[in-house]
């Protein structure tokens, strides 16, 4: 399980690692405003490439763990 806060440094890298490793991700103290970078992940905008699924986080496509 990976716990992050959007105020900490390198939070996006931790999100990418959690998604690619298949870890549970918990975002603490998120408040009312959610960063737009997380929208594709929260709305499940997954793209199938071959046998794997990817999701766009920021400018990168992150391969998801099954």
Foldseek 3Di string as FASTA:
>chain_A
DAEEEPPDPPVLVVVLVCFAVVHDYHYPPCPDDHDPLCVQVVVVVWDDDPPWIWTGRPNDTRTGDD
